[in-house]
């Protein structure tokens, strides 16, 4: 079985590589770790969680005029995922549920209705987007 076909619980590995056409073996391992974090959350939430973005290739990031240093570039970071679910109330519930995971930075974008979660070492864990800037919400 190709890693792209890996399915565990509610998620398929292929959902995480839309912007990374040639993921490495270490990328697949990071995806499995993220899936392991999200499955219990999805069960508690009781409705689908959509993966908007997982792994991104360095080339994709440069094409989008980004630095290429994002946690989404799994070769550089430990991994990141952008998530959404239906309804602002459920999005906020998802945000709270993510606190029980191993993600070290969780950012909610209420204006764009998605959550970014990653493993970047951070002084603070929770952020909220305010006009494109991240503001610390809790320590």
Protein backbone atom coordinates (compact mmCIF):
# COMPACT_ATOMS: atom_id res chain seq x y z
CA UNK A 1 0.00 0.00 0.00
CA UNK A 2 1.28 3.46 -0.89
CA UNK A 3 1.40 5.88 2.08
CA UNK A 4 -1.01 8.17 0.21
CA UNK A 5 -3.65 5.44 0.60
CA UNK A 6 -3.20 5.19 4.37
CA UNK A 7 -6.47 5.69 6.23
CA UNK A 8 -6.85 5.67 9.97
CA UNK A 9 -10.13 6.50 11.66
CA UNK A 10 -11.64 9.58 10.07
CA UNK A 11 -8.71 10.77 7.95
CA UNK A 12 -6.80 9.73 4.84
CA UNK A 13 -3.14 10.63 4.43
CA UNK A 14 -3.90 11.93 0.93
CA UNK A 15 -5.92 14.80 2.48
CA UNK A 16 -2.65 16.22 3.85
CA UNK A 17 -0.56 16.37 0.65
CA UNK A 18 -2.66 18.44 -1.76
CA UNK A 19 0.13 21.04 -1.97
CA UNK A 20 3.03 18.57 -1.78
CA UNK A 21 3.19 16.35 -4.89
CA UNK A 22 6.32 14.41 -3.79
CA UNK A 23 6.15 13.90 -0.02
CA UNK A 24 9.14 12.22 1.62
CA UNK A 25 9.03 9.24 3.98
CA UNK A 26 9.50 11.57 6.94
CA UNK A 27 6.55 13.68 5.73
CA UNK A 28 4.34 10.58 5.73
CA UNK A 29 5.46 9.79 9.31
CA UNK A 30 4.55 13.33 10.40
CA UNK A 31 1.14 12.99 8.74
CA UNK A 32 0.44 9.77 10.64
CA UNK A 33 1.38 11.54 13.90
CA UNK A 34 -1.02 14.40 13.09
CA UNK A 35 -3.80 11.95 12.20
CA UNK A 36 -3.25 10.29 15.59
CA UNK A 37 -3.78 13.70 17.25
CA UNK A 38 -6.94 14.48 15.27
CA UNK A 39 -8.88 11.19 15.38
CA UNK A 40 -9.99 11.40 19.04
CA UNK A 41 -10.91 15.07 18.53
CA UNK A 42 -13.05 14.22 15.49
CA UNK A 43 -14.88 11.52 17.45
CA UNK A 44 -15.70 13.92 20.30
CA UNK A 45 -16.66 16.75 17.92
CA UNK A 46 -19.18 14.50 16.20
CA UNK A 47 -18.91 16.08 12.77
CA UNK A 48 -16.37 16.19 9.93
CA UNK A 49 -13.13 18.14 10.19
CA UNK A 50 -11.85 19.31 6.83
CA UNK A 51 -8.11 19.46 6.18
CA UNK A 52 -7.60 22.73 4.28
CA UNK A 53 -3.82 22.39 4.19
CA UNK A 54 -1.25 20.00 5.56
CA UNK A 55 2.14 19.44 3.99
CA UNK A 56 3.25 21.99 1.41
CA UNK A 57 6.26 21.69 -0.82
CA UNK A 58 8.99 24.32 -0.61
CA UNK A 59 8.32 25.08 -4.28
CA UNK A 60 4.63 25.73 -3.55
CA UNK A 61 5.52 28.13 -0.75
CA UNK A 62 7.94 30.07 -2.98
CA UNK A 63 5.36 30.15 -5.80
CA UNK A 64 2.90 31.70 -3.31
CA UNK A 65 5.62 34.29 -2.44
CA UNK A 66 6.19 32.89 1.05
CA UNK A 67 9.52 32.26 2.77
CA UNK A 68 9.43 28.47 2.55
CA UNK A 69 10.12 28.28 6.29
CA UNK A 70 6.55 27.47 7.31
CA UNK A 71 5.77 24.52 9.58
CA UNK A 72 3.66 23.37 6.61
CA UNK A 73 6.92 22.57 4.81
CA UNK A 74 7.36 19.28 6.63
CA UNK A 75 10.97 18.95 5.50
CA UNK A 76 11.78 22.03 7.63
CA UNK A 77 9.29 21.77 10.48
CA UNK A 78 7.54 19.18 12.55
CA UNK A 79 4.28 19.64 10.70
CA UNK A 80 1.25 21.89 10.59
CA UNK A 81 -2.37 21.60 9.60
CA UNK A 82 -5.16 24.05 8.78
CA UNK A 83 -8.57 22.79 9.83
CA UNK A 84 -12.16 23.84 9.44
CA UNK A 85 -15.53 22.49 10.44
CA UNK A 86 -19.09 23.62 9.90
CA UNK A 87 -20.29 26.48 12.11
CA UNK A 88 -18.47 28.97 14.31
CA UNK A 89 -19.66 27.24 17.50
CA UNK A 90 -18.15 23.92 16.37
CA UNK A 91 -14.99 25.71 15.23
CA UNK A 92 -14.59 27.15 18.72
CA UNK A 93 -15.28 23.72 20.23
CA UNK A 94 -12.62 22.24 17.93
CA UNK A 95 -10.21 24.95 19.09
CA UNK A 96 -10.76 23.96 22.74
CA UNK A 97 -10.49 20.24 21.99
CA UNK A 98 -7.12 20.74 20.32
CA UNK A 99 -5.74 21.73 23.74
CA UNK A 100 -5.69 18.04 24.68
CA UNK A 101 -3.32 17.22 21.79
CA UNK A 102 0.43 17.54 21.37
CA UNK A 103 0.15 20.62 19.14
CA UNK A 104 2.25 23.39 20.68
CA UNK A 105 0.71 26.35 18.82
CA UNK A 106 -2.98 26.67 18.02
CA UNK A 107 -4.27 29.71 16.15
CA UNK A 108 -7.93 30.43 15.43
CA UNK A 109 -8.92 32.68 12.55
CA UNK A 110 -12.53 33.49 13.38
CA UNK A 111 -12.74 35.94 10.48
CA UNK A 112 -11.71 33.21 7.99
CA UNK A 113 -13.30 30.30 9.91
CA UNK A 114 -10.26 28.06 10.23
CA UNK A 115 -7.70 26.88 12.75
CA UNK A 116 -3.96 26.52 12.25
CA UNK A 117 -2.17 24.03 14.52
CA UNK A 118 1.53 23.16 14.53
CA UNK A 119 4.42 21.96 16.66
CA UNK A 120 6.61 25.05 16.52
CA UNK A 121 8.14 25.86 19.88
CA UNK A 122 6.25 28.85 21.14
CA UNK A 123 6.23 30.91 24.29
CA UNK A 124 2.44 30.94 24.13
CA UNK A 125 0.09 28.29 22.89
CA UNK A 126 -3.11 30.02 21.81
CA UNK A 127 -3.44 32.86 19.34
CA UNK A 128 -6.24 34.64 17.55
CA UNK A 129 -5.95 36.39 14.22
CA UNK A 130 -6.64 40.11 14.35
CA UNK A 131 -6.35 41.85 10.99
CA UNK A 132 -3.63 39.49 9.80
CA UNK A 133 -1.63 39.68 13.04
CA UNK A 134 -1.52 36.98 15.69
CA UNK A 135 -2.42 38.08 19.16
CA UNK A 136 -1.73 35.99 22.25
CA UNK A 137 -4.99 34.94 23.88
CA UNK A 138 -3.78 32.64 26.68
CA UNK A 139 -0.43 31.51 28.05
